[in-house]
Amino acid sequence: MVDEDEILKVSRLAYLEFKGDQQQAFIAQFRKILEYFAQIRNAPTGELPVHFSKASLILREDIPGKSLSPDEALANAPRREGTYFVAPKIRWARDTSQ
């Protein structure tokens, strides 16, 4: 069984924040999910045949063609500045080195 510290570490990596007794509810739910995985892992599969797909990945040949102009490429952009897309900055709420 995974201990509480390990579960809380996973929650920090997922940037989850808990208020009140949400943390204990999360721990209980996470343990339940892990129990389901254990059931799947222990399912009797010894007599099931192994299947392999005969399909192969077929890619088209990469042929260079005419590029879009900056105006064509940015025609549906919600915001643009000159010939660039404008997007909001990404700000981390926490230190990711934990």
C-alpha atoms as a PDB file:
ATOM      1  CA  MET A   1       0.000   0.000   0.000  1.00  0.00           C
ATOM      2  CA  VAL A   2       1.205   3.508  -0.796  1.00  0.00           C
ATOM      3  CA  ASP A   3       1.704   5.686   2.259  1.00  0.00           C
ATOM      4  CA  GLU A   4       0.136   9.091   2.790  1.00  0.00           C
ATOM      5  CA  ASP A   5       3.388  10.997   2.151  1.00  0.00           C
ATOM      6  CA  GLU A   6       3.714   9.396  -1.291  1.00  0.00           C
ATOM      7  CA  ILE A   7       0.137  10.338  -2.187  1.00  0.00           C
ATOM      8  CA  LEU A   8       0.672  13.929  -1.046  1.00  0.00           C
ATOM      9  CA  LYS A   9       3.855  14.091  -3.130  1.00  0.00           C
ATOM     10  CA  VAL A  10       1.817  13.062  -6.199  1.00  0.00           C
ATOM     11  CA  SER A  11      -0.776  15.721  -5.394  1.00  0.00           C
ATOM     12  CA  ARG A  12       1.942  18.406  -5.164  1.00  0.00           C
ATOM     13  CA  LEU A  13       3.386  17.320  -8.519  1.00  0.00           C
ATOM     14  CA  ALA A  14      -0.113  17.668 -10.009  1.00  0.00           C
ATOM     15  CA  TYR A  15      -0.467  21.154  -8.478  1.00  0.00           C
ATOM     16  CA  LEU A  16      -3.505  20.139  -6.440  1.00  0.00           C
ATOM     17  CA  GLU A  17      -4.546  22.346  -3.568  1.00  0.00           C
ATOM     18  CA  PHE A  18      -6.834  21.156  -0.813  1.00  0.00           C
ATOM     19  CA  LYS A  19      -9.080  23.061   1.557  1.00  0.00           C
ATOM     20  CA  GLY A  20     -10.439  21.638   4.804  1.00  0.00           C
ATOM     21  CA  ASP A  21     -10.865  17.891   4.726  1.00  0.00           C
ATOM     22  CA  GLN A  22     -10.419  17.640   0.936  1.00  0.00           C
ATOM     23  CA  GLN A  23      -6.919  16.263   1.484  1.00  0.00           C
ATOM     24  CA  GLN A  24      -8.179  13.235   3.424  1.00  0.00           C
ATOM     25  CA  ALA A  25     -10.886  12.649   0.796  1.00  0.00           C
ATOM     26  CA  PHE A  26      -8.242  12.775  -1.956  1.00  0.00           C
ATOM     27  CA  ILE A  27      -6.050  10.267  -0.109  1.00  0.00           C
ATOM     28  CA  ALA A  28      -8.984   7.868   0.271  1.00  0.00           C
ATOM     29  CA  GLN A  29      -9.970   8.229  -3.400  1.00  0.00           C
ATOM     30  CA  PHE A  30      -6.382   7.796  -4.591  1.00  0.00           C
ATOM     31  CA  ARG A  31      -5.996   4.606  -2.551  1.00  0.00           C
ATOM     32  CA  LYS A  32      -9.252   3.293  -4.043  1.00  0.00           C
ATOM     33  CA  ILE A  33      -7.924   3.937  -7.554  1.00  0.00           C
ATOM     34  CA  LEU A  34      -4.723   2.061  -6.716  1.00  0.00           C
ATOM     35  CA  GLU A  35      -6.811  -0.855  -5.416  1.00  0.00           C
ATOM     36  CA  TYR A  36      -8.590  -1.026  -8.790  1.00  0.00           C
ATOM     37  CA  PHE A  37      -5.225  -1.165 -10.560  1.00  0.00           C
ATOM     38  CA  ALA A  38      -4.157  -3.999  -8.249  1.00  0.00           C
ATOM     39  CA  GLN A  39      -7.312  -5.918  -9.187  1.00  0.00           C
ATOM     40  CA  ILE A  40      -6.528  -5.476 -12.868  1.00  0.00           C
ATOM     41  CA  ARG A  41      -2.906  -6.516 -12.315  1.00  0.00           C
ATOM     42  CA  ASN A  42      -4.057  -9.696 -10.550  1.00  0.00           C
ATOM     43  CA  ALA A  43      -6.655 -10.622 -13.167  1.00  0.00           C
ATOM     44  CA  PRO A  44      -6.118 -14.159 -14.500  1.00  0.00           C
ATOM     45  CA  THR A  45      -4.818 -13.692 -18.044  1.00  0.00           C
ATOM     46  CA  GLY A  46      -2.641 -16.795 -18.402  1.00  0.00           C
ATOM     47  CA  GLU A  47      -4.952 -18.554 -20.851  1.00  0.00           C
ATOM     48  CA  LEU A  48      -5.719 -15.561 -23.040  1.00  0.00           C
ATOM     49  CA  PRO A  49      -4.039 -15.611 -26.445  1.00  0.00           C
ATOM     50  CA  VAL A  50      -1.529 -12.882 -27.207  1.00  0.00           C
ATOM     51  CA  HIS A  51      -2.647 -10.636 -30.062  1.00  0.00           C
ATOM     52  CA  PHE A  52      -0.408  -8.616 -32.300  1.00  0.00           C
ATOM     53  CA  SER A  53      -1.566  -6.028 -34.758  1.00  0.00           C
ATOM     54  CA  LYS A  54      -0.457  -6.614 -38.326  1.00  0.00           C
ATOM     55  CA  ALA A  55      -1.118  -2.996 -39.222  1.00  0.00           C
ATOM     56  CA  SER A  56       1.910  -0.905 -39.924  1.00  0.00           C
ATOM     57  CA  LEU A  57       2.381   2.804 -39.746  1.00  0.00           C
ATOM     58  CA  ILE A  58       2.062   4.197 -43.233  1.00  0.00           C
ATOM     59  CA  LEU A  59       3.214   7.763 -43.715  1.00  0.00           C
ATOM     60  CA  ARG A  60       2.956   9.868 -46.796  1.00  0.00           C
ATOM     61  CA  GLU A  61       6.102  11.071 -48.474  1.00  0.00           C
ATOM     62  CA  ASP A  62       7.265  14.436 -47.184  1.00  0.00           C
ATOM     63  CA  ILE A  63       7.058  16.712 -50.201  1.00  0.00           C
ATOM     64  CA  PRO A  64       7.893  20.398 -49.718  1.00  0.00           C
ATOM     65  CA  GLY A  65       5.183  22.713 -50.941  1.00  0.00           C
ATOM     66  CA  LYS A  66       4.144  26.332 -50.936  1.00  0.00           C
ATOM     67  CA  SER A  67       4.141  27.867 -47.450  1.00  0.00           C
ATOM     68  CA  LEU A  68       1.383  30.057 -46.068  1.00  0.00           C
ATOM     69  CA  SER A  69       2.009  33.771 -45.953  1.00  0.00           C
ATOM     70  CA  PRO A  70       2.122  35.298 -42.448  1.00  0.00           C
ATOM     71  CA  ASP A  71      -1.323  36.858 -43.049  1.00  0.00           C
ATOM     72  CA  GLU A  72      -2.789  33.481 -44.086  1.00  0.00           C
ATOM     73  CA  ALA A  73      -1.208  31.695 -41.127  1.00  0.00           C
ATOM     74  CA  LEU A  74      -2.476  34.293 -38.648  1.00  0.00           C
ATOM     75  CA  ALA A  75      -5.898  34.797 -40.238  1.00  0.00           C
ATOM     76  CA  ASN A  76      -7.761  33.036 -37.385  1.00  0.00           C
ATOM     77  CA  ALA A  77      -5.452  34.030 -34.533  1.00  0.00           C
ATOM     78  CA  PRO A  78      -7.353  35.589 -31.618  1.00  0.00           C
ATOM     79  CA  ARG A  79      -4.475  38.037 -31.069  1.00  0.00           C
ATOM     80  CA  ARG A  80      -1.433  38.871 -33.110  1.00  0.00           C
ATOM     81  CA  GLU A  81       1.389  41.355 -33.113  1.00  0.00           C
ATOM     82  CA  GLY A  82       2.918  41.894 -36.521  1.00  0.00           C
ATOM     83  CA  THR A  83       3.694  38.425 -37.841  1.00  0.00           C
ATOM     84  CA  TYR A  84       3.520  36.661 -34.439  1.00  0.00           C
ATOM     85  CA  PHE A  85       0.820  34.967 -32.368  1.00  0.00           C
ATOM     86  CA  VAL A  86       0.213  36.668 -29.008  1.00  0.00           C
ATOM     87  CA  ALA A  87      -0.413  34.313 -26.077  1.00  0.00           C
ATOM     88  CA  PRO A  88      -0.578  34.875 -22.316  1.00  0.00           C
ATOM     89  CA  LYS A  89       2.538  34.286 -20.251  1.00  0.00           C
ATOM     90  CA  ILE A  90       2.690  31.071 -18.268  1.00  0.00           C
ATOM     91  CA  ARG A  91       3.309  31.674 -14.597  1.00  0.00           C
ATOM     92  CA  TRP A  92       3.992  28.813 -12.211  1.00  0.00           C
ATOM     93  CA  ALA A  93       2.089  29.062  -8.968  1.00  0.00           C
ATOM     94  CA  ARG A  94       4.643  26.944  -7.126  1.00  0.00           C
ATOM     95  CA  ASP A  95       8.278  26.026  -7.161  1.00  0.00           C
ATOM     96  CA  THR A  96       8.583  22.972  -9.465  1.00  0.00           C
ATOM     97  CA  SER A  97      11.837  21.751  -7.904  1.00  0.00           C
ATOM     98  CA  GLN A  98      10.023  19.821  -5.127  1.00  0.00           C
END
